[in-house]
PDB file of N, CA and C in Angstrom:
ATOM      1  N   MET A   1       0.852  -1.161   0.000  1.00  0.00           N
ATOM      2  CA  MET A   1       0.000   0.000   0.000  1.00  0.00           C
ATOM      3  C   MET A   1       0.904   1.231   0.000  1.00  0.00           C
ATOM      4  N   PHE A   2       0.799   2.019  -1.044  1.00  0.00           N
ATOM      5  CA  PHE A   2       1.619   3.216  -1.160  1.00  0.00           C
ATOM      6  C   PHE A   2       0.982   4.430  -0.502  1.00  0.00           C
ATOM      7  N   TRP A   3      -0.313   4.357  -0.264  1.00  0.00           N
ATOM      8  CA  TRP A   3      -1.007   5.480   0.345  1.00  0.00           C
ATOM      9  C   TRP A   3      -1.625   5.021   1.651  1.00  0.00           C
ATOM     10  N   ASP A   4      -1.221   5.642   2.725  1.00  0.00           N
ATOM     11  CA  ASP A   4      -1.761   5.351   4.041  1.00  0.00           C
ATOM     12  C   ASP A   4      -2.841   6.386   4.344  1.00  0.00           C
ATOM     13  N   PRO A   5      -4.065   5.937   4.656  1.00  0.00           N
ATOM     14  CA  PRO A   5      -5.129   6.910   4.867  1.00  0.00           C
ATOM     15  C   PRO A   5      -4.890   7.831   6.064  1.00  0.00           C
ATOM     16  N   TYR A   6      -4.014   7.461   6.967  1.00  0.00           N
ATOM     17  CA  TYR A   6      -3.771   8.283   8.146  1.00  0.00           C
ATOM     18  C   TYR A   6      -2.555   9.194   7.996  1.00  0.00           C
ATOM     19  N   PHE A   7      -1.503   8.691   7.342  1.00  0.00           N
ATOM     20  CA  PHE A   7      -0.252   9.450   7.289  1.00  0.00           C
ATOM     21  C   PHE A   7       0.147   9.893   5.885  1.00  0.00           C
ATOM     22  N   GLY A   8      -0.613   9.561   4.873  1.00  0.00           N
ATOM     23  CA  GLY A   8      -0.289   9.985   3.517  1.00  0.00           C
ATOM     24  C   GLY A   8       0.596   8.972   2.803  1.00  0.00           C
ATOM     25  N   TRP A   9       1.493   9.464   1.980  1.00  0.00           N
ATOM     26  CA  TRP A   9       2.359   8.602   1.178  1.00  0.00           C
ATOM     27  C   TRP A   9       3.293   7.795   2.071  1.00  0.00           C
ATOM     28  N   ASP A  10       3.380   6.506   1.788  1.00  0.00           N
ATOM     29  CA  ASP A  10       4.272   5.616   2.523  1.00  0.00           C
ATOM     30  C   ASP A  10       5.592   5.544   1.758  1.00  0.00           C
ATOM     31  N   THR A  11       6.484   6.496   2.040  1.00  0.00           N
ATOM     32  CA  THR A  11       7.730   6.585   1.280  1.00  0.00           C
ATOM     33  C   THR A  11       8.641   5.390   1.533  1.00  0.00           C
ATOM     34  N   HIS A  12       8.560   4.782   2.702  1.00  0.00           N
ATOM     35  CA  HIS A  12       9.375   3.595   2.975  1.00  0.00           C
ATOM     36  C   HIS A  12       8.967   2.451   2.052  1.00  0.00           C
ATOM     37  N   MET A  13       7.673   2.237   1.862  1.00  0.00           N
ATOM     38  CA  MET A  13       7.204   1.174   0.975  1.00  0.00           C
ATOM     39  C   MET A  13       7.557   1.486  -0.476  1.00  0.00           C
ATOM     40  N   ILE A  14       7.468   2.738  -0.876  1.00  0.00           N
ATOM     41  CA  ILE A  14       7.820   3.120  -2.243  1.00  0.00           C
ATOM     42  C   ILE A  14       9.299   2.857  -2.487  1.00  0.00           C
ATOM     43  N   ARG A  15      10.159   3.269  -1.542  1.00  0.00           N
ATOM     44  CA  ARG A  15      11.598   3.019  -1.684  1.00  0.00           C
ATOM     45  C   ARG A  15      11.904   1.527  -1.685  1.00  0.00           C
ATOM     46  N   SER A  16      11.205   0.771  -0.858  1.00  0.00           N
ATOM     47  CA  SER A  16      11.427  -0.671  -0.796  1.00  0.00           C
ATOM     48  C   SER A  16      11.036  -1.345  -2.103  1.00  0.00           C
ATOM     49  N   CYS A  17       9.893  -0.983  -2.663  1.00  0.00           N
ATOM     50  CA  CYS A  17       9.466  -1.569  -3.934  1.00  0.00           C
ATOM     51  C   CYS A  17      10.402  -1.169  -5.074  1.00  0.00           C
ATOM     52  N   LEU A  18      10.838   0.075  -5.082  1.00  0.00           N
ATOM     53  CA  LEU A  18      11.786   0.506  -6.108  1.00  0.00           C
ATOM     54  C   LEU A  18      13.114  -0.239  -5.999  1.00  0.00           C
ATOM     55  N   PHE A  19      13.590  -0.437  -4.764  1.00  0.00           N
ATOM     56  CA  PHE A  19      14.835  -1.166  -4.554  1.00  0.00           C
ATOM     57  C   PHE A  19      14.733  -2.582  -5.100  1.00  0.00           C
ATOM     58  N   TRP A  20      13.651  -3.296  -4.753  1.00  0.00           N
ATOM     59  CA  TRP A  20      13.509  -4.680  -5.199  1.00  0.00           C
ATOM     60  C   TRP A  20      13.274  -4.762  -6.702  1.00  0.00           C
ATOM     61  N   THR A  21      12.608  -3.770  -7.290  1.00  0.00           N
ATOM     62  CA  THR A  21      12.414  -3.757  -8.734  1.00  0.00           C
ATOM     63  C   THR A  21      13.747  -3.564  -9.451  1.00  0.00           C
ATOM     64  N   VAL A  22      14.554  -2.631  -8.966  1.00  0.00           N
ATOM     65  CA  VAL A  22      15.873  -2.399  -9.565  1.00  0.00           C
ATOM     66  C   VAL A  22      16.763  -3.626  -9.374  1.00  0.00           C
ATOM     67  N   LEU A  23      16.707  -4.247  -8.211  1.00  0.00           N
ATOM     68  CA  LEU A  23      17.504  -5.440  -7.954  1.00  0.00           C
ATOM     69  C   LEU A  23      17.095  -6.589  -8.869  1.00  0.00           C
ATOM     70  N   LEU A  24      15.793  -6.797  -9.040  1.00  0.00           N
ATOM     71  CA  LEU A  24      15.311  -7.865  -9.908  1.00  0.00           C
ATOM     72  C   LEU A  24      15.684  -7.598 -11.367  1.00  0.00           C
ATOM     73  N   CYS A  25      15.519  -6.358 -11.819  1.00  0.00           N
ATOM     74  CA  CYS A  25      15.898  -6.023 -13.201  1.00  0.00           C
ATOM     75  C   CYS A  25      17.403  -6.182 -13.410  1.00  0.00           C
ATOM     76  N   GLY A  26      18.185  -5.802 -12.420  1.00  0.00           N
ATOM     77  CA  GLY A  26      19.628  -5.988 -12.517  1.00  0.00           C
ATOM     78  C   GLY A  26      20.015  -7.455 -12.587  1.00  0.00           C
ATOM     79  N   LEU A  27      19.358  -8.284 -11.788  1.00  0.00           N
ATOM     80  CA  LEU A  27      19.640  -9.721 -11.800  1.00  0.00           C
ATOM     81  C   LEU A  27      19.252 -10.337 -13.138  1.00  0.00           C
ATOM     82  N   VAL A  28      18.090  -9.970 -13.648  1.00  0.00           N
ATOM     83  CA  VAL A  28      17.654 -10.491 -14.955  1.00  0.00           C
ATOM     84  C   VAL A  28      18.614 -10.044 -16.049  1.00  0.00           C
ATOM     85  N   SER A  29      19.028  -8.794 -16.021  1.00  0.00           N
ATOM     86  CA  SER A  29      19.967  -8.301 -17.030  1.00  0.00           C
ATOM     87  C   SER A  29      21.305  -9.020 -16.929  1.00  0.00           C
ATOM     88  N   PHE A  30      21.766  -9.259 -15.711  1.00  0.00           N
ATOM     89  CA  PHE A  30      23.038  -9.954 -15.513  1.00  0.00           C
ATOM     90  C   PHE A  30      22.975 -11.389 -16.042  1.00  0.00           C
ATOM     91  N   VAL A  31      21.884 -12.092 -15.737  1.00  0.00           N
ATOM     92  CA  VAL A  31      21.757 -13.475 -16.182  1.00  0.00           C
ATOM     93  C   VAL A  31      21.668 -13.557 -17.699  1.00  0.00           C
ATOM     94  N   THR A  32      20.870 -12.714 -18.314  1.00  0.00           N
ATOM     95  CA  THR A  32      20.767 -12.782 -19.777  1.00  0.00           C
ATOM     96  C   THR A  32      22.064 -12.334 -20.454  1.00  0.00           C
ATOM     97  N   ALA A  33      22.793 -11.412 -19.837  1.00  0.00           N
ATOM     98  CA  ALA A  33      24.074 -10.983 -20.419  1.00  0.00           C
ATOM     99  C   ALA A  33      25.108 -12.091 -20.322  1.00  0.00           C
ATOM    100  N   THR A  34      25.126 -12.813 -19.205  1.00  0.00           N
ATOM    101  CA  THR A  34      26.105 -13.889 -19.066  1.00  0.00           C
ATOM    102  C   THR A  34      25.740 -15.112 -19.899  1.00  0.00           C
ATOM    103  N   GLU A  35      24.489 -15.235 -20.314  1.00  0.00           N
ATOM    104  CA  GLU A  35      24.087 -16.332 -21.193  1.00  0.00           C
ATOM    105  C   GLU A  35      24.376 -16.021 -22.654  1.00  0.00           C
ATOM    106  N   GLY A  36      24.871 -14.825 -22.935  1.00  0.00           N
ATOM    107  CA  GLY A  36      25.220 -14.450 -24.298  1.00  0.00           C
ATOM    108  C   GLY A  36      24.062 -13.889 -25.101  1.00  0.00           C
ATOM    109  N   LEU A  37      22.968 -13.551 -24.441  1.00  0.00           N
ATOM    110  CA  LEU A  37      21.784 -13.051 -25.144  1.00  0.00           C
ATOM    111  C   LEU A  37      21.717 -11.537 -25.173  1.00  0.00           C
ATOM    112  N   GLY A  38      22.562 -10.863 -24.447  1.00  0.00           N
ATOM    113  CA  GLY A  38      22.504  -9.408 -24.348  1.00  0.00           C
ATOM    114  C   GLY A  38      21.706  -9.018 -23.124  1.00  0.00           C
ATOM    115  N   TRP A  39      22.088  -7.894 -22.519  1.00  0.00           N
ATOM    116  CA  TRP A  39      21.440  -7.500 -21.267  1.00  0.00           C
ATOM    117  C   TRP A  39      19.980  -7.112 -21.452  1.00  0.00           C
ATOM    118  N   ASP A  40      19.587  -6.733 -22.665  1.00  0.00           N
ATOM    119  CA  ASP A  40      18.222  -6.272 -22.900  1.00  0.00           C
ATOM    120  C   ASP A  40      17.314  -7.347 -23.493  1.00  0.00           C
ATOM    121  N   TYR A  41      17.752  -8.593 -23.544  1.00  0.00           N
ATOM    122  CA  TYR A  41      16.963  -9.663 -24.155  1.00  0.00           C
ATOM    123  C   TYR A  41      15.618  -9.851 -23.455  1.00  0.00           C
ATOM    124  N   ALA A  42      15.593  -9.840 -22.133  1.00  0.00           N
ATOM    125  CA  ALA A  42      14.341 -10.057 -21.399  1.00  0.00           C
ATOM    126  C   ALA A  42      13.345  -8.934 -21.676  1.00  0.00           C
ATOM    127  N   TYR A  43      13.829  -7.714 -21.759  1.00  0.00           N
ATOM    128  CA  TYR A  43      12.949  -6.578 -21.991  1.00  0.00           C
ATOM    129  C   TYR A  43      12.437  -6.554 -23.425  1.00  0.00           C
ATOM    130  N   LEU A  44      13.299  -6.912 -24.370  1.00  0.00           N
ATOM    131  CA  LEU A  44      12.869  -6.969 -25.771  1.00  0.00           C
ATOM    132  C   LEU A  44      11.869  -8.097 -25.999  1.00  0.00           C
ATOM    133  N   SER A  45      12.075  -9.232 -25.346  1.00  0.00           N
ATOM    134  CA  SER A  45      11.120 -10.325 -25.509  1.00  0.00           C
ATOM    135  C   SER A  45       9.783  -9.985 -24.863  1.00  0.00           C
ATOM    136  N   LEU A  46       9.795  -9.277 -23.745  1.00  0.00           N
ATOM    137  CA  LEU A  46       8.549  -8.823 -23.124  1.00  0.00           C
ATOM    138  C   LEU A  46       7.838  -7.822 -24.032  1.00  0.00           C
ATOM    139  N   TYR A  47       8.590  -6.933 -24.646  1.00  0.00           N
ATOM    140  CA  TYR A  47       8.028  -5.969 -25.588  1.00  0.00           C
ATOM    141  C   TYR A  47       7.432  -6.679 -26.802  1.00  0.00           C
ATOM    142  N   ASP A  48       8.139  -7.673 -27.333  1.00  0.00           N
ATOM    143  CA  ASP A  48       7.618  -8.427 -28.467  1.00  0.00           C
ATOM    144  C   ASP A  48       6.344  -9.171 -28.101  1.00  0.00           C
ATOM    145  N   TRP A  49       6.293  -9.717 -26.891  1.00  0.00           N
ATOM    146  CA  TRP A  49       5.083 -10.404 -26.435  1.00  0.00           C
ATOM    147  C   TRP A  49       3.921  -9.412 -26.334  1.00  0.00           C
ATOM    148  N   ALA A  50       4.188  -8.222 -25.814  1.00  0.00           N
ATOM    149  CA  ALA A  50       3.135  -7.213 -25.690  1.00  0.00           C
ATOM    150  C   ALA A  50       2.640  -6.779 -27.067  1.00  0.00           C
ATOM    151  N   LEU A  51       3.537  -6.685 -28.044  1.00  0.00           N
ATOM    152  CA  LEU A  51       3.115  -6.335 -29.401  1.00  0.00           C
ATOM    153  C   LEU A  51       2.287  -7.449 -30.025  1.00  0.00           C
ATOM    154  N   GLY A  52       2.614  -8.694 -29.713  1.00  0.00           N
ATOM    155  CA  GLY A  52       1.874  -9.825 -30.264  1.00  0.00           C
ATOM    156  C   GLY A  52       0.509 -10.010 -29.620  1.00  0.00           C
ATOM    157  N   ASN A  53       0.334  -9.512 -28.420  1.00  0.00           N
ATOM    158  CA  ASN A  53      -0.923  -9.660 -27.691  1.00  0.00           C
ATOM    159  C   ASN A  53      -1.479  -8.296 -27.304  1.00  0.00           C
ATOM    160  N   THR A  54      -1.595  -7.431 -28.289  1.00  0.00           N
ATOM    161  CA  THR A  54      -1.996  -6.053 -28.036  1.00  0.00           C
ATOM    162  C   THR A  54      -3.372  -5.963 -27.375  1.00  0.00           C
ATOM    163  N   THR A  55      -4.307  -6.774 -27.823  1.00  0.00           N
ATOM    164  CA  THR A  55      -5.655  -6.721 -27.268  1.00  0.00           C
ATOM    165  C   THR A  55      -5.655  -7.082 -25.793  1.00  0.00           C
ATOM    166  N   ALA A  56      -4.975  -8.150 -25.433  1.00  0.00           N
ATOM    167  CA  ALA A  56      -4.922  -8.576 -24.032  1.00  0.00           C
ATOM    168  C   ALA A  56      -4.216  -7.535 -23.165  1.00  0.00           C
ATOM    169  N   VAL A  57      -3.171  -6.932 -23.703  1.00  0.00           N
ATOM    170  CA  VAL A  57      -2.435  -5.912 -22.950  1.00  0.00           C
ATOM    171  C   VAL A  57      -3.319  -4.689 -22.716  1.00  0.00           C
ATOM    172  N   LEU A  58      -4.015  -4.235 -23.746  1.00  0.00           N
ATOM    173  CA  LEU A  58      -4.876  -3.063 -23.596  1.00  0.00           C
ATOM    174  C   LEU A  58      -6.037  -3.325 -22.639  1.00  0.00           C
ATOM    175  N   ILE A  59      -6.654  -4.496 -22.743  1.00  0.00           N
ATOM    176  CA  ILE A  59      -7.743  -4.838 -21.821  1.00  0.00           C
ATOM    177  C   ILE A  59      -7.232  -4.888 -20.393  1.00  0.00           C
ATOM    178  N   SER A  60      -6.065  -5.470 -20.181  1.00  0.00           N
ATOM    179  CA  SER A  60      -5.491  -5.554 -18.833  1.00  0.00           C
ATOM    180  C   SER A  60      -5.181  -4.175 -18.269  1.00  0.00           C
ATOM    181  N   ILE A  61      -4.618  -3.300 -19.089  1.00  0.00           N
ATOM    182  CA  ILE A  61      -4.307  -1.942 -18.626  1.00  0.00           C
ATOM    183  C   ILE A  61      -5.575  -1.183 -18.268  1.00  0.00           C
ATOM    184  N   ILE A  62      -6.598  -1.307 -19.106  1.00  0.00           N
ATOM    185  CA  ILE A  62      -7.857  -0.622 -18.820  1.00  0.00           C
ATOM    186  C   ILE A  62      -8.478  -1.143 -17.536  1.00  0.00           C
ATOM    187  N   LEU A  63      -8.504  -2.456 -17.344  1.00  0.00           N
ATOM    188  CA  LEU A  63      -9.079  -3.027 -16.122  1.00  0.00           C
ATOM    189  C   LEU A  63      -8.291  -2.619 -14.878  1.00  0.00           C
ATOM    190  N   LEU A  64      -6.976  -2.579 -14.985  1.00  0.00           N
ATOM    191  CA  LEU A  64      -6.164  -2.149 -13.843  1.00  0.00           C
ATOM    192  C   LEU A  64      -6.409  -0.687 -13.497  1.00  0.00           C
ATOM    193  N   LEU A  65      -6.517   0.167 -14.506  1.00  0.00           N
ATOM    194  CA  LEU A  65      -6.781   1.581 -14.250  1.00  0.00           C
ATOM    195  C   LEU A  65      -8.167   1.801 -13.649  1.00  0.00           C
ATOM    196  N   VAL A  66      -9.179   1.129 -14.177  1.00  0.00           N
ATOM    197  CA  VAL A  66     -10.532   1.265 -13.632  1.00  0.00           C
ATOM    198  C   VAL A  66     -10.596   0.711 -12.216  1.00  0.00           C
ATOM    199  N   GLY A  67      -9.955  -0.440 -11.986  1.00  0.00           N
ATOM    200  CA  GLY A  67      -9.922  -1.009 -10.640  1.00  0.00           C
ATOM    201  C   GLY A  67      -9.202  -0.107  -9.656  1.00  0.00           C
ATOM    202  N   GLY A  68      -8.092   0.484 -10.082  1.00  0.00           N
ATOM    203  CA  GLY A  68      -7.366   1.422  -9.215  1.00  0.00           C
ATOM    204  C   GLY A  68      -8.175   2.655  -8.918  1.00  0.00           C
ATOM    205  N   PHE A  69      -8.921   3.145  -9.912  1.00  0.00           N
ATOM    206  CA  PHE A  69      -9.763   4.321  -9.706  1.00  0.00           C
ATOM    207  C   PHE A  69     -10.858   4.029  -8.683  1.00  0.00           C
ATOM    208  N   TYR A  70     -11.526   2.888  -8.820  1.00  0.00           N
ATOM    209  CA  TYR A  70     -12.595   2.571  -7.879  1.00  0.00           C
ATOM    210  C   TYR A  70     -12.049   2.242  -6.487  1.00  0.00           C
ATOM    211  N   PHE A  71     -10.866   1.658  -6.414  1.00  0.00           N
ATOM    212  CA  PHE A  71     -10.237   1.442  -5.110  1.00  0.00           C
ATOM    213  C   PHE A  71      -9.969   2.780  -4.431  1.00  0.00           C
ATOM    214  N   TRP A  72      -9.477   3.734  -5.202  1.00  0.00           N
ATOM    215  CA  TRP A  72      -9.225   5.079  -4.659  1.00  0.00           C
ATOM    216  C   TRP A  72     -10.523   5.730  -4.212  1.00  0.00           C
ATOM    217  N   LYS A  73     -11.584   5.590  -5.016  1.00  0.00           N
ATOM    218  CA  LYS A  73     -12.869   6.185  -4.658  1.00  0.00           C
ATOM    219  C   LYS A  73     -13.406   5.596  -3.345  1.00  0.00           C
ATOM    220  N   VAL A  74     -13.248   4.294  -3.161  1.00  0.00           N
ATOM    221  CA  VAL A  74     -13.703   3.661  -1.921  1.00  0.00           C
ATOM    222  C   VAL A  74     -12.847   4.120  -0.747  1.00  0.00           C
ATOM    223  N   GLN A  75     -11.544   4.276  -0.957  1.00  0.00           N
ATOM    224  CA  GLN A  75     -10.650   4.688   0.120  1.00  0.00           C
ATOM    225  C   GLN A  75     -10.934   6.094   0.611  1.00  0.00           C
ATOM    226  N   ILE A  76     -11.328   6.997  -0.273  1.00  0.00           N
ATOM    227  CA  ILE A  76     -11.599   8.368   0.158  1.00  0.00           C
ATOM    228  C   ILE A  76     -13.036   8.526   0.633  1.00  0.00           C
ATOM    229  N   GLY A  77     -13.834   7.440   0.550  1.00  0.00           N
ATOM    230  CA  GLY A  77     -15.193   7.466   1.061  1.00  0.00           C
ATOM    231  C   GLY A  77     -16.197   8.084   0.124  1.00  0.00           C
ATOM    232  N   ASP A  78     -15.907   8.105  -1.165  1.00  0.00           N
ATOM    233  CA  ASP A  78     -16.817   8.710  -2.126  1.00  0.00           C
ATOM    234  C   ASP A  78     -17.858   7.721  -2.638  1.00  0.00           C
ATOM    235  N   MET A  79     -17.712   6.454  -2.301  1.00  0.00           N
ATOM    236  CA  MET A  79     -18.684   5.454  -2.762  1.00  0.00           C
ATOM    237  C   MET A  79     -19.289   4.725  -1.610  1.00  0.00           C
TER     238      MET A  79
END
């Protein structure tokens, strides 16, 4: 939870998630680079998959945004 209803933004959780995301991306890049595929192979293959499944990606993004919006509305007591 990045937003605490009592204290506002939870900067510790944001920093923690960013740290683990950077660490995971670094590990993936290191493994693919040492396998001889190039450090960006995982990201390019994810991009190619997203291009091949454009409909599923767009539907997922729309559902996540709508779900996040309604979660926010419930949290602020507007619903």
